């Protein structure tokens, strides 16, 4: 199970470094997106660039979660939830996370 989470985090970080008009790191630092316990990012700002980034990142995460789930005989939702817990916990100071109450919190 620990290897699954490491794989998810690694895949998420590798993807975020790909060249996009707006990177995941930039969007986090600018308060445009935040991590959620579901394992997916969600937009805080609703501009076109942010929404495109969220869609791209979440599609890639979904594919990675499914691959990890298939190779470990668990559901993709279980992988996503594990990743979500880790990503929220590892969010940097100043970044936003969505709490269990559904509200955005700045770390």
PDB file of N, CA and C in Angstrom:
ATOM      1  N   UNK A   1       0.826  -1.185   0.000  1.00  0.00           N
ATOM      2  CA  UNK A   1       0.000   0.000   0.000  1.00  0.00           C
ATOM      3  C   UNK A   1       0.875   1.255   0.000  1.00  0.00           C
ATOM      4  N   UNK A   2       1.979   1.222   0.726  1.00  0.00           N
ATOM      5  CA  UNK A   2       2.894   2.353   0.777  1.00  0.00           C
ATOM      6  C   UNK A   2       3.486   2.628  -0.607  1.00  0.00           C
ATOM      7  N   UNK A   3       3.774   1.558  -1.348  1.00  0.00           N
ATOM      8  CA  UNK A   3       4.317   1.716  -2.693  1.00  0.00           C
ATOM      9  C   UNK A   3       3.309   2.354  -3.631  1.00  0.00           C
ATOM     10  N   UNK A   4       2.031   2.074  -3.413  1.00  0.00           N
ATOM     11  CA  UNK A   4       0.983   2.666  -4.250  1.00  0.00           C
ATOM     12  C   UNK A   4       0.994   4.170  -4.076  1.00  0.00           C
ATOM     13  N   UNK A   5       1.012   4.610  -2.834  1.00  0.00           N
ATOM     14  CA  UNK A   5       0.997   6.042  -2.563  1.00  0.00           C
ATOM     15  C   UNK A   5       2.238   6.716  -3.130  1.00  0.00           C
ATOM     16  N   UNK A   6       3.394   6.088  -2.962  1.00  0.00           N
ATOM     17  CA  UNK A   6       4.627   6.656  -3.517  1.00  0.00           C
ATOM     18  C   UNK A   6       4.528   6.770  -5.031  1.00  0.00           C
ATOM     19  N   UNK A   7       3.995   5.739  -5.666  1.00  0.00           N
ATOM     20  CA  UNK A   7       3.850   5.761  -7.120  1.00  0.00           C
ATOM     21  C   UNK A   7       2.913   6.856  -7.584  1.00  0.00           C
ATOM     22  N   UNK A   8       1.806   7.031  -6.865  1.00  0.00           N
ATOM     23  CA  UNK A   8       0.842   8.071  -7.210  1.00  0.00           C
ATOM     24  C   UNK A   8       1.475   9.449  -7.057  1.00  0.00           C
ATOM     25  N   UNK A   9       2.150   9.661  -5.948  1.00  0.00           N
ATOM     26  CA  UNK A   9       2.776  10.965  -5.720  1.00  0.00           C
ATOM     27  C   UNK A   9       3.853  11.253  -6.749  1.00  0.00           C
ATOM     28  N   UNK A  10       4.649  10.259  -7.074  1.00  0.00           N
ATOM     29  CA  UNK A  10       5.690  10.427  -8.071  1.00  0.00           C
ATOM     30  C   UNK A  10       5.089  10.765  -9.428  1.00  0.00           C
ATOM     31  N   UNK A  11       4.057  10.028  -9.808  1.00  0.00           N
ATOM     32  CA  UNK A  11       3.412  10.276 -11.099  1.00  0.00           C
ATOM     33  C   UNK A  11       2.795  11.670 -11.141  1.00  0.00           C
ATOM     34  N   UNK A  12       2.184  12.086 -10.035  1.00  0.00           N
ATOM     35  CA  UNK A  12       1.579  13.415  -9.977  1.00  0.00           C
ATOM     36  C   UNK A  12       2.632  14.503 -10.097  1.00  0.00           C
ATOM     37  N   UNK A  13       3.750  14.316  -9.414  1.00  0.00           N
ATOM     38  CA  UNK A  13       4.817  15.317  -9.469  1.00  0.00           C
ATOM     39  C   UNK A  13       5.463  15.355 -10.841  1.00  0.00           C
ATOM     40  N   UNK A  14       5.662  14.186 -11.453  1.00  0.00           N
ATOM     41  CA  UNK A  14       6.277  14.166 -12.774  1.00  0.00           C
ATOM     42  C   UNK A  14       5.383  14.869 -13.772  1.00  0.00           C
ATOM     43  N   UNK A  15       4.079  14.611 -13.693  1.00  0.00           N
ATOM     44  CA  UNK A  15       3.179  15.230 -14.640  1.00  0.00           C
ATOM     45  C   UNK A  15       3.135  16.738 -14.445  1.00  0.00           C
ATOM     46  N   UNK A  16       3.174  17.183 -13.204  1.00  0.00           N
ATOM     47  CA  UNK A  16       3.065  18.615 -12.953  1.00  0.00           C
ATOM     48  C   UNK A  16       4.253  19.391 -13.504  1.00  0.00           C
ATOM     49  N   UNK A  17       5.350  18.716 -13.779  1.00  0.00           N
ATOM     50  CA  UNK A  17       6.513  19.415 -14.316  1.00  0.00           C
ATOM     51  C   UNK A  17       6.486  19.503 -15.834  1.00  0.00           C
ATOM     52  N   UNK A  18       5.505  18.871 -16.455  1.00  0.00           N
ATOM     53  CA  UNK A  18       5.416  18.970 -17.904  1.00  0.00           C
ATOM     54  C   UNK A  18       5.090  20.402 -18.293  1.00  0.00           C
ATOM     55  N   UNK A  19       5.452  20.748 -19.498  1.00  0.00           N
ATOM     56  CA  UNK A  19       5.266  22.116 -19.951  1.00  0.00           C
ATOM     57  C   UNK A  19       3.789  22.360 -20.262  1.00  0.00           C
ATOM     58  N   UNK A  20       3.222  23.263 -19.506  1.00  0.00           N
ATOM     59  CA  UNK A  20       1.865  23.735 -19.743  1.00  0.00           C
ATOM     60  C   UNK A  20       1.927  25.258 -19.665  1.00  0.00           C
ATOM     61  N   UNK A  21       0.905  25.910 -20.163  1.00  0.00           N
ATOM     62  CA  UNK A  21       0.870  27.361 -20.071  1.00  0.00           C
ATOM     63  C   UNK A  21       0.944  27.784 -18.605  1.00  0.00           C
ATOM     64  N   UNK A  22       0.289  27.050 -17.761  1.00  0.00           N
ATOM     65  CA  UNK A  22       0.308  27.274 -16.325  1.00  0.00           C
ATOM     66  C   UNK A  22       0.684  25.948 -15.686  1.00  0.00           C
ATOM     67  N   UNK A  23       1.696  25.931 -14.833  1.00  0.00           N
ATOM     68  CA  UNK A  23       2.073  24.679 -14.188  1.00  0.00           C
ATOM     69  C   UNK A  23       1.265  24.485 -12.917  1.00  0.00           C
ATOM     70  N   UNK A  24       1.199  23.252 -12.468  1.00  0.00           N
ATOM     71  CA  UNK A  24       0.489  22.943 -11.237  1.00  0.00           C
ATOM     72  C   UNK A  24       1.113  23.682 -10.066  1.00  0.00           C
ATOM     73  N   UNK A  25       2.417  23.709 -10.030  1.00  0.00           N
ATOM     74  CA  UNK A  25       3.111  24.401  -8.944  1.00  0.00           C
ATOM     75  C   UNK A  25       2.761  25.890  -8.923  1.00  0.00           C
ATOM     76  N   UNK A  26       2.772  26.511 -10.084  1.00  0.00           N
ATOM     77  CA  UNK A  26       2.410  27.933 -10.174  1.00  0.00           C
ATOM     78  C   UNK A  26       0.969  28.160  -9.735  1.00  0.00           C
ATOM     79  N   UNK A  27       0.074  27.297 -10.195  1.00  0.00           N
ATOM     80  CA  UNK A  27      -1.339  27.437  -9.849  1.00  0.00           C
ATOM     81  C   UNK A  27      -1.557  27.292  -8.341  1.00  0.00           C
ATOM     82  N   UNK A  28      -0.845  26.345  -7.728  1.00  0.00           N
ATOM     83  CA  UNK A  28      -0.939  26.185  -6.271  1.00  0.00           C
ATOM     84  C   UNK A  28      -0.444  27.442  -5.572  1.00  0.00           C
ATOM     85  N   UNK A  29       0.736  27.939  -5.976  1.00  0.00           N
ATOM     86  CA  UNK A  29       1.335  29.113  -5.335  1.00  0.00           C
ATOM     87  C   UNK A  29       0.488  30.363  -5.506  1.00  0.00           C
ATOM     88  N   UNK A  30      -0.216  30.445  -6.615  1.00  0.00           N
ATOM     89  CA  UNK A  30      -1.052  31.612  -6.901  1.00  0.00           C
ATOM     90  C   UNK A  30      -2.453  31.487  -6.304  1.00  0.00           C
ATOM     91  N   UNK A  31      -2.743  30.371  -5.643  1.00  0.00           N
ATOM     92  CA  UNK A  31      -4.058  30.180  -5.045  1.00  0.00           C
ATOM     93  C   UNK A  31      -5.158  29.941  -6.064  1.00  0.00           C
ATOM     94  N   UNK A  32      -4.787  29.397  -7.216  1.00  0.00           N
ATOM     95  CA  UNK A  32      -5.768  29.140  -8.276  1.00  0.00           C
ATOM     96  C   UNK A  32      -6.386  27.753  -8.167  1.00  0.00           C
ATOM     97  N   UNK A  33      -5.653  26.806  -7.565  1.00  0.00           N
ATOM     98  CA  UNK A  33      -6.146  25.438  -7.382  1.00  0.00           C
ATOM     99  C   UNK A  33      -5.772  24.970  -5.985  1.00  0.00           C
ATOM    100  N   UNK A  34      -6.438  23.922  -5.561  1.00  0.00           N
ATOM    101  CA  UNK A  34      -6.101  23.327  -4.283  1.00  0.00           C
ATOM    102  C   UNK A  34      -6.269  21.828  -4.339  1.00  0.00           C
ATOM    103  N   UNK A  35      -5.619  21.166  -3.404  1.00  0.00           N
ATOM    104  CA  UNK A  35      -5.732  19.710  -3.298  1.00  0.00           C
ATOM    105  C   UNK A  35      -6.987  19.345  -2.515  1.00  0.00           C
ATOM    106  N   UNK A  36      -7.550  18.203  -2.851  1.00  0.00           N
ATOM    107  CA  UNK A  36      -8.728  17.706  -2.145  1.00  0.00           C
ATOM    108  C   UNK A  36      -8.456  16.293  -1.635  1.00  0.00           C
ATOM    109  N   UNK A  37      -9.244  15.862  -0.683  1.00  0.00           N
ATOM    110  CA  UNK A  37      -9.106  14.518  -0.131  1.00  0.00           C
ATOM    111  C   UNK A  37      -9.516  13.437  -1.129  1.00  0.00           C
ATOM    112  N   UNK A  38     -10.132  13.848  -2.227  1.00  0.00           N
ATOM    113  CA  UNK A  38     -10.531  12.880  -3.252  1.00  0.00           C
ATOM    114  C   UNK A  38      -9.353  12.438  -4.115  1.00  0.00           C
ATOM    115  N   UNK A  39      -8.202  13.126  -3.979  1.00  0.00           N
ATOM    116  CA  UNK A  39      -7.039  12.794  -4.790  1.00  0.00           C
ATOM    117  C   UNK A  39      -6.934  13.606  -6.065  1.00  0.00           C
ATOM    118  N   UNK A  40      -7.845  14.535  -6.242  1.00  0.00           N
ATOM    119  CA  UNK A  40      -7.862  15.374  -7.433  1.00  0.00           C
ATOM    120  C   UNK A  40      -7.756  16.833  -7.017  1.00  0.00           C
ATOM    121  N   UNK A  41      -7.235  17.659  -7.915  1.00  0.00           N
ATOM    122  CA  UNK A  41      -7.204  19.088  -7.632  1.00  0.00           C
ATOM    123  C   UNK A  41      -8.546  19.673  -8.030  1.00  0.00           C
ATOM    124  N   UNK A  42      -8.864  20.793  -7.431  1.00  0.00           N
ATOM    125  CA  UNK A  42     -10.093  21.505  -7.766  1.00  0.00           C
ATOM    126  C   UNK A  42      -9.748  22.970  -7.983  1.00  0.00           C
ATOM    127  N   UNK A  43     -10.483  23.614  -8.888  1.00  0.00           N
ATOM    128  CA  UNK A  43     -10.203  25.025  -9.150  1.00  0.00           C
ATOM    129  C   UNK A  43     -10.749  25.909  -8.036  1.00  0.00           C
ATOM    130  N   UNK A  44      -9.978  26.906  -7.696  1.00  0.00           N
ATOM    131  CA  UNK A  44     -10.462  27.960  -6.801  1.00  0.00           C
ATOM    132  C   UNK A  44     -10.855  29.141  -7.676  1.00  0.00           C
ATOM    133  N   UNK A  45     -10.005  29.473  -8.625  1.00  0.00           N
ATOM    134  CA  UNK A  45     -10.302  30.505  -9.632  1.00  0.00           C
ATOM    135  C   UNK A  45     -10.955  29.806 -10.815  1.00  0.00           C
ATOM    136  N   UNK A  46     -11.858  30.488 -11.469  1.00  0.00           N
ATOM    137  CA  UNK A  46     -12.628  29.863 -12.545  1.00  0.00           C
ATOM    138  C   UNK A  46     -12.249  30.353 -13.939  1.00  0.00           C
ATOM    139  N   UNK A  47     -11.020  30.843 -14.105  1.00  0.00           N
ATOM    140  CA  UNK A  47     -10.606  31.311 -15.428  1.00  0.00           C
ATOM    141  C   UNK A  47     -10.283  30.114 -16.335  1.00  0.00           C
ATOM    142  N   UNK A  48     -10.262  30.378 -17.622  1.00  0.00           N
ATOM    143  CA  UNK A  48     -10.068  29.327 -18.626  1.00  0.00           C
ATOM    144  C   UNK A  48      -8.771  28.551 -18.422  1.00  0.00           C
ATOM    145  N   UNK A  49      -7.675  29.256 -18.176  1.00  0.00           N
ATOM    146  CA  UNK A  49      -6.368  28.618 -18.030  1.00  0.00           C
ATOM    147  C   UNK A  49      -6.349  27.663 -16.824  1.00  0.00           C
ATOM    148  N   UNK A  50      -6.934  28.109 -15.723  1.00  0.00           N
ATOM    149  CA  UNK A  50      -6.989  27.271 -14.522  1.00  0.00           C
ATOM    150  C   UNK A  50      -7.857  26.044 -14.761  1.00  0.00           C
ATOM    151  N   UNK A  51      -9.002  26.233 -15.370  1.00  0.00           N
ATOM    152  CA  UNK A  51      -9.915  25.107 -15.620  1.00  0.00           C
ATOM    153  C   UNK A  51      -9.291  24.082 -16.560  1.00  0.00           C
ATOM    154  N   UNK A  52      -8.537  24.535 -17.560  1.00  0.00           N
ATOM    155  CA  UNK A  52      -7.854  23.615 -18.473  1.00  0.00           C
ATOM    156  C   UNK A  52      -6.783  22.816 -17.730  1.00  0.00           C
ATOM    157  N   UNK A  53      -6.044  23.496 -16.856  1.00  0.00           N
ATOM    158  CA  UNK A  53      -5.016  22.824 -16.072  1.00  0.00           C
ATOM    159  C   UNK A  53      -5.639  21.758 -15.175  1.00  0.00           C
ATOM    160  N   UNK A  54      -6.714  22.107 -14.501  1.00  0.00           N
ATOM    161  CA  UNK A  54      -7.397  21.157 -13.609  1.00  0.00           C
ATOM    162  C   UNK A  54      -7.851  19.931 -14.388  1.00  0.00           C
ATOM    163  N   UNK A  55      -8.433  20.151 -15.540  1.00  0.00           N
ATOM    164  CA  UNK A  55      -8.905  19.036 -16.366  1.00  0.00           C
ATOM    165  C   UNK A  55      -7.749  18.133 -16.785  1.00  0.00           C
ATOM    166  N   UNK A  56      -6.668  18.734 -17.243  1.00  0.00           N
ATOM    167  CA  UNK A  56      -5.503  17.965 -17.702  1.00  0.00           C
ATOM    168  C   UNK A  56      -4.869  17.165 -16.566  1.00  0.00           C
ATOM    169  N   UNK A  57      -4.645  17.828 -15.440  1.00  0.00           N
ATOM    170  CA  UNK A  57      -4.021  17.158 -14.290  1.00  0.00           C
ATOM    171  C   UNK A  57      -4.909  16.031 -13.792  1.00  0.00           C
ATOM    172  N   UNK A  58      -6.195  16.302 -13.642  1.00  0.00           N
ATOM    173  CA  UNK A  58      -7.098  15.280 -13.106  1.00  0.00           C
ATOM    174  C   UNK A  58      -7.274  14.093 -14.045  1.00  0.00           C
ATOM    175  N   UNK A  59      -7.243  14.318 -15.343  1.00  0.00           N
ATOM    176  CA  UNK A  59      -7.304  13.199 -16.291  1.00  0.00           C
ATOM    177  C   UNK A  59      -6.072  12.312 -16.143  1.00  0.00           C
ATOM    178  N   UNK A  60      -4.904  12.947 -16.028  1.00  0.00           N
ATOM    179  CA  UNK A  60      -3.668  12.175 -15.865  1.00  0.00           C
ATOM    180  C   UNK A  60      -3.662  11.421 -14.538  1.00  0.00           C
ATOM    181  N   UNK A  61      -4.109  12.079 -13.485  1.00  0.00           N
ATOM    182  CA  UNK A  61      -4.169  11.406 -12.191  1.00  0.00           C
ATOM    183  C   UNK A  61      -5.123  10.218 -12.240  1.00  0.00           C
ATOM    184  N   UNK A  62      -6.257  10.415 -12.866  1.00  0.00           N
ATOM    185  CA  UNK A  62      -7.239   9.340 -12.967  1.00  0.00           C
ATOM    186  C   UNK A  62      -6.653   8.114 -13.675  1.00  0.00           C
ATOM    187  N   UNK A  63      -5.932   8.344 -14.753  1.00  0.00           N
ATOM    188  CA  UNK A  63      -5.278   7.247 -15.479  1.00  0.00           C
ATOM    189  C   UNK A  63      -4.253   6.549 -14.598  1.00  0.00           C
ATOM    190  N   UNK A  64      -3.452   7.342 -13.890  1.00  0.00           N
ATOM    191  CA  UNK A  64      -2.443   6.763 -13.005  1.00  0.00           C
ATOM    192  C   UNK A  64      -3.077   5.986 -11.861  1.00  0.00           C
ATOM    193  N   UNK A  65      -4.130   6.521 -11.290  1.00  0.00           N
ATOM    194  CA  UNK A  65      -4.820   5.820 -10.199  1.00  0.00           C
ATOM    195  C   UNK A  65      -5.367   4.477 -10.685  1.00  0.00           C
ATOM    196  N   UNK A  66      -5.919   4.467 -11.909  1.00  0.00           N
ATOM    197  CA  UNK A  66      -6.476   3.230 -12.444  1.00  0.00           C
ATOM    198  C   UNK A  66      -5.379   2.193 -12.687  1.00  0.00           C
ATOM    199  N   UNK A  67      -4.250   2.622 -13.220  1.00  0.00           N
ATOM    200  CA  UNK A  67      -3.137   1.694 -13.449  1.00  0.00           C
ATOM    201  C   UNK A  67      -2.648   1.093 -12.135  1.00  0.00           C
ATOM    202  N   UNK A  68      -2.492   1.937 -11.115  1.00  0.00           N
ATOM    203  CA  UNK A  68      -2.050   1.449  -9.808  1.00  0.00           C
ATOM    204  C   UNK A  68      -3.088   0.521  -9.185  1.00  0.00           C
ATOM    205  N   UNK A  69      -4.339   0.854  -9.353  1.00  0.00           N
ATOM    206  CA  UNK A  69      -5.411   0.017  -8.818  1.00  0.00           C
ATOM    207  C   UNK A  69      -5.408  -1.355  -9.483  1.00  0.00           C
ATOM    208  N   UNK A  70      -5.276  -1.361 -10.797  1.00  0.00           N
ATOM    209  CA  UNK A  70      -5.265  -2.628 -11.536  1.00  0.00           C
ATOM    210  C   UNK A  70      -4.101  -3.512 -11.114  1.00  0.00           C
ATOM    211  N   UNK A  71      -2.940  -2.908 -10.903  1.00  0.00           N
ATOM    212  CA  UNK A  71      -1.768  -3.705 -10.554  1.00  0.00           C
ATOM    213  C   UNK A  71      -1.756  -4.146  -9.090  1.00  0.00           C
ATOM    214  N   UNK A  72      -2.636  -3.564  -8.280  1.00  0.00           N
ATOM    215  CA  UNK A  72      -2.677  -3.917  -6.860  1.00  0.00           C
ATOM    216  C   UNK A  72      -4.009  -4.510  -6.419  1.00  0.00           C
ATOM    217  N   UNK A  73      -4.867  -4.797  -7.387  1.00  0.00           N
ATOM    218  CA  UNK A  73      -6.172  -5.415  -7.113  1.00  0.00           C
ATOM    219  C   UNK A  73      -6.992  -4.659  -6.075  1.00  0.00           C
ATOM    220  N   UNK A  74      -7.024  -3.341  -6.215  1.00  0.00           N
ATOM    221  CA  UNK A  74      -7.895  -2.508  -5.402  1.00  0.00           C
ATOM    222  C   UNK A  74      -8.604  -1.543  -6.336  1.00  0.00           C
ATOM    223  N   UNK A  75      -9.552  -0.794  -5.809  1.00  0.00           N
ATOM    224  CA  UNK A  75     -10.294   0.123  -6.676  1.00  0.00           C
ATOM    225  C   UNK A  75      -9.510   1.414  -6.903  1.00  0.00           C
ATOM    226  N   UNK A  76      -9.802   2.056  -8.007  1.00  0.00           N
ATOM    227  CA  UNK A  76      -9.173   3.343  -8.305  1.00  0.00           C
ATOM    228  C   UNK A  76      -9.564   4.375  -7.260  1.00  0.00           C
ATOM    229  N   UNK A  77     -10.782   4.263  -6.732  1.00  0.00           N
ATOM    230  CA  UNK A  77     -11.220   5.195  -5.680  1.00  0.00           C
ATOM    231  C   UNK A  77     -10.367   5.052  -4.425  1.00  0.00           C
ATOM    232  N   UNK A  78      -9.991   3.831  -4.086  1.00  0.00           N
ATOM    233  CA  UNK A  78      -9.134   3.622  -2.914  1.00  0.00           C
ATOM    234  C   UNK A  78      -7.763   4.259  -3.129  1.00  0.00           C
ATOM    235  N   UNK A  79      -7.216   4.088  -4.313  1.00  0.00           N
ATOM    236  CA  UNK A  79      -5.924   4.691  -4.641  1.00  0.00           C
ATOM    237  C   UNK A  79      -6.048   6.209  -4.577  1.00  0.00           C
ATOM    238  N   UNK A  80      -7.094   6.752  -5.170  1.00  0.00           N
ATOM    239  CA  UNK A  80      -7.291   8.203  -5.195  1.00  0.00           C
ATOM    240  C   UNK A  80      -7.427   8.766  -3.782  1.00  0.00           C
ATOM    241  N   UNK A  81      -8.178   8.082  -2.938  1.00  0.00           N
ATOM    242  CA  UNK A  81      -8.361   8.562  -1.567  1.00  0.00           C
ATOM    243  C   UNK A  81      -7.047   8.535  -0.783  1.00  0.00           C
ATOM    244  N   UNK A  82      -6.261   7.483  -0.958  1.00  0.00           N
ATOM    245  CA  UNK A  82      -4.953   7.420  -0.302  1.00  0.00           C
ATOM    246  C   UNK A  82      -4.054   8.561  -0.781  1.00  0.00           C
ATOM    247  N   UNK A  83      -4.053   8.770  -2.078  1.00  0.00           N
ATOM    248  CA  UNK A  83      -3.245   9.849  -2.640  1.00  0.00           C
ATOM    249  C   UNK A  83      -3.740  11.204  -2.143  1.00  0.00           C
ATOM    250  N   UNK A  84      -5.049  11.370  -2.088  1.00  0.00           N
ATOM    251  CA  UNK A  84      -5.628  12.630  -1.619  1.00  0.00           C
ATOM    252  C   UNK A  84      -5.206  12.973  -0.206  1.00  0.00           C
ATOM    253  N   UNK A  85      -5.218  11.981   0.661  1.00  0.00           N
ATOM    254  CA  UNK A  85      -4.802  12.206   2.047  1.00  0.00           C
ATOM    255  C   UNK A  85      -3.348  12.667   2.099  1.00  0.00           C
ATOM    256  N   UNK A  86      -2.494  12.007   1.324  1.00  0.00           N
ATOM    257  CA  UNK A  86      -1.075  12.360   1.309  1.00  0.00           C
ATOM    258  C   UNK A  86      -0.837  13.734   0.671  1.00  0.00           C
ATOM    259  N   UNK A  87      -1.517  14.016  -0.431  1.00  0.00           N
ATOM    260  CA  UNK A  87      -1.323  15.293  -1.119  1.00  0.00           C
ATOM    261  C   UNK A  87      -1.802  16.463  -0.266  1.00  0.00           C
ATOM    262  N   UNK A  88      -2.909  16.292   0.442  1.00  0.00           N
ATOM    263  CA  UNK A  88      -3.403  17.343   1.329  1.00  0.00           C
ATOM    264  C   UNK A  88      -2.412  17.552   2.471  1.00  0.00           C
ATOM    265  N   UNK A  89      -1.941  16.450   3.040  1.00  0.00           N
ATOM    266  CA  UNK A  89      -1.005  16.545   4.163  1.00  0.00           C
ATOM    267  C   UNK A  89       0.310  17.202   3.739  1.00  0.00           C
ATOM    268  N   UNK A  90       0.727  16.992   2.505  1.00  0.00           N
ATOM    269  CA  UNK A  90       2.010  17.517   2.030  1.00  0.00           C
ATOM    270  C   UNK A  90       1.915  18.884   1.370  1.00  0.00           C
ATOM    271  N   UNK A  91       0.728  19.457   1.328  1.00  0.00           N
ATOM    272  CA  UNK A  91       0.590  20.790   0.742  1.00  0.00           C
ATOM    273  C   UNK A  91       1.489  21.766   1.500  1.00  0.00           C
ATOM    274  N   UNK A  92       2.072  22.663   0.761  1.00  0.00           N
ATOM    275  CA  UNK A  92       3.024  23.626   1.330  1.00  0.00           C
ATOM    276  C   UNK A  92       2.292  24.803   1.985  1.00  0.00           C
ATOM    277  N   UNK A  93       2.964  25.468   2.917  1.00  0.00           N
ATOM    278  CA  UNK A  93       2.362  26.668   3.519  1.00  0.00           C
ATOM    279  C   UNK A  93       1.974  27.675   2.435  1.00  0.00           C
ATOM    280  N   UNK A  94       0.790  28.225   2.554  1.00  0.00           N
ATOM    281  CA  UNK A  94       0.282  29.176   1.576  1.00  0.00           C
ATOM    282  C   UNK A  94      -0.577  28.548   0.495  1.00  0.00           C
ATOM    283  N   UNK A  95      -0.536  27.212   0.383  1.00  0.00           N
ATOM    284  CA  UNK A  95      -1.369  26.517  -0.604  1.00  0.00           C
ATOM    285  C   UNK A  95      -2.722  26.180   0.011  1.00  0.00           C
ATOM    286  N   UNK A  96      -3.704  25.989  -0.854  1.00  0.00           N
ATOM    287  CA  UNK A  96      -5.051  25.695  -0.403  1.00  0.00           C
ATOM    288  C   UNK A  96      -5.344  24.197  -0.439  1.00  0.00           C
ATOM    289  N   UNK A  97      -6.101  23.759   0.559  1.00  0.00           N
ATOM    290  CA  UNK A  97      -6.603  22.388   0.610  1.00  0.00           C
ATOM    291  C   UNK A  97      -8.076  22.463   0.992  1.00  0.00           C
ATOM    292  N   UNK A  98      -8.842  21.499   0.508  1.00  0.00           N
ATOM    293  CA  UNK A  98     -10.260  21.445   0.855  1.00  0.00           C
ATOM    294  C   UNK A  98     -10.420  20.448   1.993  1.00  0.00           C
ATOM    295  N   UNK A  99     -10.968  20.917   3.086  1.00  0.00           N
ATOM    296  CA  UNK A  99     -11.152  20.079   4.260  1.00  0.00           C
ATOM    297  C   UNK A  99     -12.336  19.143   4.127  1.00  0.00           C
ATOM    298  N   UNK A 100     -12.536  18.301   5.128  1.00  0.00           N
ATOM    299  CA  UNK A 100     -13.645  17.346   5.090  1.00  0.00           C
ATOM    300  C   UNK A 100     -14.996  18.055   5.130  1.00  0.00           C
ATOM    301  N   UNK A 101     -15.003  19.319   5.561  1.00  0.00           N
ATOM    302  CA  UNK A 101     -16.239  20.104   5.580  1.00  0.00           C
ATOM    303  C   UNK A 101     -16.528  20.766   4.233  1.00  0.00           C
ATOM    304  N   UNK A 102     -15.640  20.560   3.264  1.00  0.00           N
ATOM    305  CA  UNK A 102     -15.834  21.110   1.929  1.00  0.00           C
ATOM    306  C   UNK A 102     -15.343  22.536   1.754  1.00  0.00           C
ATOM    307  N   UNK A 103     -14.793  23.106   2.812  1.00  0.00           N
ATOM    308  CA  UNK A 103     -14.312  24.490   2.775  1.00  0.00           C
ATOM    309  C   UNK A 103     -12.818  24.529   2.448  1.00  0.00           C
ATOM    310  N   UNK A 104     -12.418  25.562   1.725  1.00  0.00           N
ATOM    311  CA  UNK A 104     -11.007  25.760   1.402  1.00  0.00           C
ATOM    312  C   UNK A 104     -10.303  26.336   2.626  1.00  0.00           C
ATOM    313  N   UNK A 105      -9.116  25.799   2.894  1.00  0.00           N
ATOM    314  CA  UNK A 105      -8.264  26.294   3.984  1.00  0.00           C
ATOM    315  C   UNK A 105      -6.894  26.590   3.390  1.00  0.00           C
ATOM    316  N   UNK A 106      -6.302  27.684   3.829  1.00  0.00           N
ATOM    317  CA  UNK A 106      -4.945  27.997   3.411  1.00  0.00           C
ATOM    318  C   UNK A 106      -4.000  27.435   4.448  1.00  0.00           C
ATOM    319  N   UNK A 107      -3.057  26.601   4.015  1.00  0.00           N
ATOM    320  CA  UNK A 107      -2.113  25.994   4.956  1.00  0.00           C
ATOM    321  C   UNK A 107      -1.080  26.996   5.412  1.00  0.00           C
TER     322      UNK A 107
END
